[in-house]
Amino acid sequence: MFIQFISGAVEGGIIGGSFFYILVLLVGWNYFALQESSARQATVGKQAMNIIVADLKGNRISFEQATRRFVGKILAAIPFFASFLPILFTEKKAGSP
């Protein structure tokens, strides 16, 4: 119920859906960037699989590098959602079949 309230799905939700999406983005960024640049060099899931995040020399990455990785993940996902773009520009608001 709380998630529905802050996402604006319930009448009287906080700032429509914008607040929710910004919150999700900030929490995700902090989760990945802080954990991948930490001494453990991995998120919880990567630790479970014995995977570490390192630079080409095997050293721990900085917070800035981890932030670039996070932004890169988001940009890499954009082409997969391109088929939804016609919804914004067509009269019937229909996507690609």
Foldseek 3Di string as FASTA:
>chain_A
DLLCQCCQVDPPRDPHRPRVVVVVLVVVLCQQLVCCQDPQNDHPVCVVVVHHDAPPVRHRDHSVVSNVVSVVVVVVCVVVCVQQVVLVPDPVSDGDD
